[in-house]
Amino acid sequence: MADPITFTRLSDGTILQRQADGSFRPIETQMDWDRIDRLTEEEIEEWARTDPDHPALDDEFWKMVDAQKPEKQAISIKLDRDLLDYFKAQGRGYQTRINAVLRHYVERMKKAG
């Protein structure tokens, strides 16, 4: 059985946490949204550029992105537990992230010939 969702986010950015009774309630955040709203585009770019956890999304990266959404096919695959744990620890969408890593590898190999 899948782990229950502990947190979720509303479209307005409010983060909700599951309570013992199964309901979700807003949590207090330490994010200074007013400060974030005041950031200029240049400050945001610098912030992203200096963040070691932020992938480089430069022009070279976007050349690799396929604008067409490929057809998906459900399969069964066995992965090393540590790899699967790594992707799952990043939250929802882990299968999409695994797909993106594989796509990146395939595109690099095609370019290499």
N, C-alpha and C. Protein backbone atom coordinates (compact mmCIF):
# COMPACT_ATOMS: atom_id res chain seq x y z
N MET A 1 0.84 -1.18 0.00
CA MET A 1 0.00 0.00 0.00
C MET A 1 0.88 1.25 0.00
N ALA A 2 0.49 2.26 -0.75
CA ALA A 2 1.26 3.50 -0.84
C ALA A 2 1.19 4.28 0.47
N ASP A 3 2.25 5.03 0.73
CA ASP A 3 2.26 5.88 1.90
C ASP A 3 1.20 6.96 1.75
N PRO A 4 0.48 7.29 2.82
CA PRO A 4 -0.54 8.34 2.72
C PRO A 4 0.13 9.70 2.50
N ILE A 5 -0.57 10.57 1.82
CA ILE A 5 -0.06 11.93 1.60
C ILE A 5 -0.07 12.66 2.93
N THR A 6 1.09 13.21 3.30
CA THR A 6 1.21 13.92 4.56
C THR A 6 0.97 15.42 4.38
N PHE A 7 1.44 15.96 3.25
CA PHE A 7 1.29 17.38 2.95
C PHE A 7 0.68 17.53 1.57
N THR A 8 0.00 18.63 1.35
CA THR A 8 -0.49 18.98 0.02
C THR A 8 -0.50 20.50 -0.06
N ARG A 9 -0.55 21.03 -1.25
CA ARG A 9 -0.52 22.49 -1.45
C ARG A 9 -1.74 22.91 -2.25
N LEU A 10 -2.38 23.97 -1.80
CA LEU A 10 -3.51 24.54 -2.53
C LEU A 10 -2.99 25.42 -3.65
N SER A 11 -3.86 25.77 -4.59
CA SER A 11 -3.44 26.59 -5.73
C SER A 11 -2.94 27.97 -5.30
N ASP A 12 -3.37 28.45 -4.13
CA ASP A 12 -2.90 29.75 -3.65
C ASP A 12 -1.58 29.65 -2.89
N GLY A 13 -1.00 28.44 -2.82
CA GLY A 13 0.28 28.25 -2.15
C GLY A 13 0.18 27.79 -0.71
N THR A 14 -1.02 27.77 -0.15
CA THR A 14 -1.20 27.33 1.23
C THR A 14 -0.82 25.86 1.36
N ILE A 15 0.02 25.55 2.34
CA ILE A 15 0.43 24.17 2.58
C ILE A 15 -0.45 23.58 3.67
N LEU A 16 -1.00 22.40 3.38
CA LEU A 16 -1.86 21.71 4.33
C LEU A 16 -1.15 20.45 4.82
N GLN A 17 -1.34 20.13 6.10
CA GLN A 17 -0.76 18.92 6.68
C GLN A 17 -1.89 18.02 7.17
N ARG A 18 -1.74 16.71 6.89
CA ARG A 18 -2.73 15.74 7.33
C ARG A 18 -2.68 15.63 8.86
N GLN A 19 -3.85 15.65 9.47
CA GLN A 19 -3.98 15.52 10.91
C GLN A 19 -4.28 14.06 11.27
N ALA A 20 -4.20 13.73 12.54
CA ALA A 20 -4.43 12.36 13.00
C ALA A 20 -5.82 11.86 12.61
N ASP A 21 -6.79 12.77 12.52
CA ASP A 21 -8.15 12.36 12.17
C ASP A 21 -8.36 12.23 10.65
N GLY A 22 -7.30 12.47 9.88
CA GLY A 22 -7.38 12.35 8.43
C GLY A 22 -7.68 13.65 7.72
N SER A 23 -8.03 14.68 8.46
CA SER A 23 -8.31 15.98 7.83
C SER A 23 -7.00 16.70 7.54
N PHE A 24 -7.07 17.73 6.71
CA PHE A 24 -5.91 18.55 6.40
C PHE A 24 -6.13 19.95 6.97
N ARG A 25 -5.09 20.50 7.58
CA ARG A 25 -5.15 21.85 8.13
C ARG A 25 -3.93 22.64 7.68
N PRO A 26 -4.10 23.97 7.47
CA PRO A 26 -2.96 24.80 7.06
C PRO A 26 -1.85 24.77 8.11
N ILE A 27 -0.61 24.82 7.64
CA ILE A 27 0.52 24.91 8.57
C ILE A 27 1.11 26.30 8.47
N GLU A 28 1.75 26.71 9.53
CA GLU A 28 2.44 28.00 9.54
C GLU A 28 3.70 27.87 8.70
N THR A 29 3.95 28.85 7.88
CA THR A 29 5.15 28.82 7.05
C THR A 29 6.08 29.95 7.49
N GLN A 30 7.36 29.74 7.32
CA GLN A 30 8.34 30.77 7.64
C GLN A 30 8.72 31.56 6.39
N MET A 31 8.06 31.27 5.26
CA MET A 31 8.38 31.94 4.01
C MET A 31 7.92 33.39 4.07
N ASP A 32 8.79 34.30 3.69
CA ASP A 32 8.48 35.72 3.65
C ASP A 32 8.01 36.05 2.23
N TRP A 33 6.71 35.84 1.98
CA TRP A 33 6.18 36.01 0.63
C TRP A 33 6.29 37.45 0.15
N ASP A 34 6.19 38.43 1.05
CA ASP A 34 6.34 39.83 0.64
C ASP A 34 7.74 40.07 0.09
N ARG A 35 8.75 39.49 0.74
CA ARG A 35 10.14 39.63 0.27
C ARG A 35 10.29 38.96 -1.09
N ILE A 36 9.69 37.79 -1.25
CA ILE A 36 9.76 37.08 -2.52
C ILE A 36 9.10 37.91 -3.63
N ASP A 37 7.95 38.50 -3.33
CA ASP A 37 7.24 39.32 -4.33
C ASP A 37 8.05 40.53 -4.76
N ARG A 38 8.92 41.02 -3.90
CA ARG A 38 9.73 42.21 -4.22
C ARG A 38 10.99 41.89 -5.03
N LEU A 39 11.32 40.62 -5.17
CA LEU A 39 12.54 40.26 -5.91
C LEU A 39 12.41 40.64 -7.39
N THR A 40 13.50 41.15 -7.94
CA THR A 40 13.53 41.46 -9.37
C THR A 40 13.86 40.18 -10.13
N GLU A 41 13.64 40.21 -11.43
CA GLU A 41 13.97 39.06 -12.27
C GLU A 41 15.46 38.73 -12.17
N GLU A 42 16.30 39.76 -12.13
CA GLU A 42 17.74 39.55 -12.03
C GLU A 42 18.11 38.89 -10.70
N GLU A 43 17.46 39.30 -9.60
CA GLU A 43 17.73 38.69 -8.30
C GLU A 43 17.29 37.22 -8.28
N ILE A 44 16.18 36.94 -8.91
CA ILE A 44 15.70 35.56 -8.98
C ILE A 44 16.68 34.71 -9.78
N GLU A 45 17.13 35.23 -10.92
CA GLU A 45 18.10 34.50 -11.74
C GLU A 45 19.39 34.25 -10.98
N GLU A 46 19.88 35.24 -10.25
CA GLU A 46 21.11 35.07 -9.47
C GLU A 46 20.90 34.06 -8.36
N TRP A 47 19.75 34.11 -7.71
CA TRP A 47 19.42 33.17 -6.65
C TRP A 47 19.44 31.74 -7.19
N ALA A 48 18.81 31.54 -8.35
CA ALA A 48 18.78 30.22 -8.96
C ALA A 48 20.17 29.78 -9.38
N ARG A 49 20.95 30.72 -9.95
CA ARG A 49 22.29 30.39 -10.45
C ARG A 49 23.22 29.94 -9.33
N THR A 50 23.03 30.50 -8.13
CA THR A 50 23.94 30.19 -7.01
C THR A 50 23.40 29.09 -6.10
N ASP A 51 22.22 28.55 -6.40
CA ASP A 51 21.64 27.48 -5.59
C ASP A 51 22.21 26.14 -6.05
N PRO A 52 22.97 25.45 -5.18
CA PRO A 52 23.57 24.18 -5.59
C PRO A 52 22.54 23.08 -5.87
N ASP A 53 21.32 23.23 -5.38
CA ASP A 53 20.28 22.23 -5.61
C ASP A 53 19.43 22.54 -6.84
N HIS A 54 19.70 23.65 -7.49
CA HIS A 54 18.91 24.06 -8.65
C HIS A 54 19.61 23.62 -9.92
N PRO A 55 18.93 22.85 -10.78
CA PRO A 55 19.58 22.42 -12.01
C PRO A 55 19.79 23.59 -12.97
N ALA A 56 20.82 23.50 -13.77
CA ALA A 56 21.10 24.55 -14.75
C ALA A 56 20.05 24.50 -15.86
N LEU A 57 19.27 25.55 -15.97
CA LEU A 57 18.23 25.61 -16.99
C LEU A 57 18.62 26.67 -18.02
N ASP A 58 19.85 26.55 -18.52
CA ASP A 58 20.35 27.48 -19.52
C ASP A 58 19.84 27.10 -20.91
N ASP A 59 20.28 27.84 -21.92
CA ASP A 59 19.82 27.57 -23.29
C ASP A 59 20.15 26.16 -23.73
N GLU A 60 21.28 25.63 -23.30
CA GLU A 60 21.68 24.27 -23.67
C GLU A 60 20.67 23.25 -23.14
N PHE A 61 20.20 23.47 -21.91
CA PHE A 61 19.19 22.58 -21.33
C PHE A 61 17.92 22.59 -22.17
N TRP A 62 17.43 23.78 -22.53
CA TRP A 62 16.16 23.88 -23.24
C TRP A 62 16.23 23.34 -24.65
N LYS A 63 17.44 23.27 -25.25
CA LYS A 63 17.59 22.65 -26.56
C LYS A 63 17.25 21.16 -26.49
N MET A 64 17.44 20.59 -25.30
CA MET A 64 17.20 19.15 -25.12
C MET A 64 15.73 18.83 -24.89
N VAL A 65 14.91 19.83 -24.59
CA VAL A 65 13.51 19.60 -24.26
C VAL A 65 12.70 19.40 -25.53
N ASP A 66 11.99 18.31 -25.59
CA ASP A 66 11.12 18.00 -26.71
C ASP A 66 9.77 18.65 -26.47
N ALA A 67 9.35 19.51 -27.38
CA ALA A 67 8.09 20.25 -27.19
C ALA A 67 6.87 19.34 -27.33
N GLN A 68 7.03 18.20 -27.96
CA GLN A 68 5.91 17.29 -28.12
C GLN A 68 5.84 16.36 -26.92
N LYS A 69 4.64 16.13 -26.45
CA LYS A 69 4.45 15.21 -25.34
C LYS A 69 4.35 13.79 -25.90
N PRO A 70 5.36 12.96 -25.60
CA PRO A 70 5.32 11.60 -26.15
C PRO A 70 4.23 10.76 -25.50
N GLU A 71 3.80 9.75 -26.24
CA GLU A 71 2.81 8.82 -25.72
C GLU A 71 3.44 8.00 -24.60
N LYS A 72 2.75 7.87 -23.50
CA LYS A 72 3.24 7.10 -22.36
C LYS A 72 2.72 5.66 -22.45
N GLN A 73 3.52 4.75 -21.91
CA GLN A 73 3.12 3.35 -21.86
C GLN A 73 3.43 2.82 -20.47
N ALA A 74 2.46 2.22 -19.83
CA ALA A 74 2.65 1.65 -18.50
C ALA A 74 3.44 0.35 -18.63
N ILE A 75 4.46 0.20 -17.79
CA ILE A 75 5.28 -1.01 -17.78
C ILE A 75 5.57 -1.39 -16.33
N SER A 76 6.15 -2.56 -16.17
CA SER A 76 6.66 -2.96 -14.87
C SER A 76 8.17 -2.96 -14.99
N ILE A 77 8.86 -2.34 -14.05
CA ILE A 77 10.31 -2.24 -14.11
C ILE A 77 10.87 -2.46 -12.71
N LYS A 78 11.99 -3.14 -12.64
CA LYS A 78 12.65 -3.34 -11.35
C LYS A 78 13.84 -2.39 -11.28
N LEU A 79 13.87 -1.60 -10.21
CA LEU A 79 14.95 -0.64 -9.98
C LEU A 79 15.64 -0.96 -8.67
N ASP A 80 16.89 -0.58 -8.56
CA ASP A 80 17.57 -0.73 -7.29
C ASP A 80 16.82 0.09 -6.24
N ARG A 81 16.66 -0.48 -5.06
CA ARG A 81 15.86 0.16 -4.01
C ARG A 81 16.37 1.57 -3.69
N ASP A 82 17.72 1.74 -3.62
CA ASP A 82 18.24 3.06 -3.27
C ASP A 82 17.89 4.10 -4.33
N LEU A 83 17.85 3.71 -5.61
CA LEU A 83 17.47 4.65 -6.66
C LEU A 83 16.00 5.04 -6.52
N LEU A 84 15.15 4.05 -6.33
CA LEU A 84 13.73 4.33 -6.18
C LEU A 84 13.47 5.18 -4.93
N ASP A 85 14.14 4.86 -3.83
CA ASP A 85 14.00 5.64 -2.60
C ASP A 85 14.40 7.09 -2.82
N TYR A 86 15.48 7.30 -3.59
CA TYR A 86 15.95 8.65 -3.87
C TYR A 86 14.88 9.46 -4.60
N PHE A 87 14.32 8.89 -5.66
CA PHE A 87 13.31 9.62 -6.42
C PHE A 87 12.03 9.81 -5.62
N LYS A 88 11.61 8.81 -4.88
CA LYS A 88 10.39 8.93 -4.08
C LYS A 88 10.55 9.97 -2.97
N ALA A 89 11.76 10.10 -2.43
CA ALA A 89 11.99 11.07 -1.34
C ALA A 89 11.78 12.50 -1.81
N GLN A 90 11.81 12.72 -3.11
CA GLN A 90 11.59 14.07 -3.64
C GLN A 90 10.12 14.41 -3.77
N GLY A 91 9.25 13.45 -3.44
CA GLY A 91 7.82 13.73 -3.43
C GLY A 91 7.10 13.24 -4.67
N ARG A 92 5.86 13.70 -4.79
CA ARG A 92 5.01 13.30 -5.92
C ARG A 92 5.70 13.59 -7.24
N GLY A 93 5.40 12.76 -8.23
CA GLY A 93 5.97 12.96 -9.55
C GLY A 93 7.28 12.22 -9.76
N TYR A 94 7.59 11.28 -8.88
CA TYR A 94 8.88 10.59 -8.99
C TYR A 94 8.99 9.80 -10.29
N GLN A 95 7.89 9.24 -10.79
CA GLN A 95 7.95 8.49 -12.04
C GLN A 95 8.26 9.43 -13.21
N THR A 96 7.70 10.62 -13.17
CA THR A 96 7.97 11.61 -14.20
C THR A 96 9.44 12.03 -14.16
N ARG A 97 9.99 12.18 -12.95
CA ARG A 97 11.41 12.53 -12.84
C ARG A 97 12.30 11.41 -13.36
N ILE A 98 11.96 10.16 -13.06
CA ILE A 98 12.73 9.03 -13.58
C ILE A 98 12.67 9.05 -15.11
N ASN A 99 11.49 9.28 -15.66
CA ASN A 99 11.33 9.36 -17.11
C ASN A 99 12.21 10.47 -17.69
N ALA A 100 12.25 11.62 -17.02
CA ALA A 100 13.05 12.76 -17.51
C ALA A 100 14.54 12.42 -17.51
N VAL A 101 15.01 11.72 -16.48
CA VAL A 101 16.42 11.32 -16.42
C VAL A 101 16.74 10.37 -17.56
N LEU A 102 15.86 9.40 -17.80
CA LEU A 102 16.08 8.46 -18.89
C LEU A 102 16.05 9.17 -20.25
N ARG A 103 15.11 10.10 -20.43
CA ARG A 103 15.03 10.86 -21.68
C ARG A 103 16.31 11.65 -21.90
N HIS A 104 16.81 12.30 -20.86
CA HIS A 104 18.04 13.08 -20.95
C HIS A 104 19.19 12.18 -21.40
N TYR A 105 19.30 11.01 -20.82
CA TYR A 105 20.35 10.06 -21.17
C TYR A 105 20.24 9.66 -22.66
N VAL A 106 19.03 9.32 -23.08
CA VAL A 106 18.83 8.89 -24.46
C VAL A 106 19.20 10.02 -25.43
N GLU A 107 18.77 11.24 -25.14
CA GLU A 107 19.09 12.37 -26.02
C GLU A 107 20.58 12.61 -26.09
N ARG A 108 21.28 12.50 -24.99
CA ARG A 108 22.75 12.66 -24.96
C ARG A 108 23.42 11.58 -25.80
N MET A 109 22.93 10.36 -25.67
CA MET A 109 23.51 9.25 -26.42
C MET A 109 23.27 9.42 -27.92
N LYS A 110 22.10 9.92 -28.29
CA LYS A 110 21.82 10.17 -29.71
C LYS A 110 22.77 11.23 -30.27
N LYS A 111 23.01 12.27 -29.48
CA LYS A 111 23.91 13.33 -29.92
C LYS A 111 25.34 12.83 -30.06
N ALA A 112 25.73 11.92 -29.16
CA ALA A 112 27.09 11.39 -29.18
C ALA A 112 27.30 10.46 -30.38
N GLY A 113 26.21 10.00 -30.96
CA GLY A 113 26.32 9.16 -32.15
C GLY A 113 26.35 7.74 -31.80
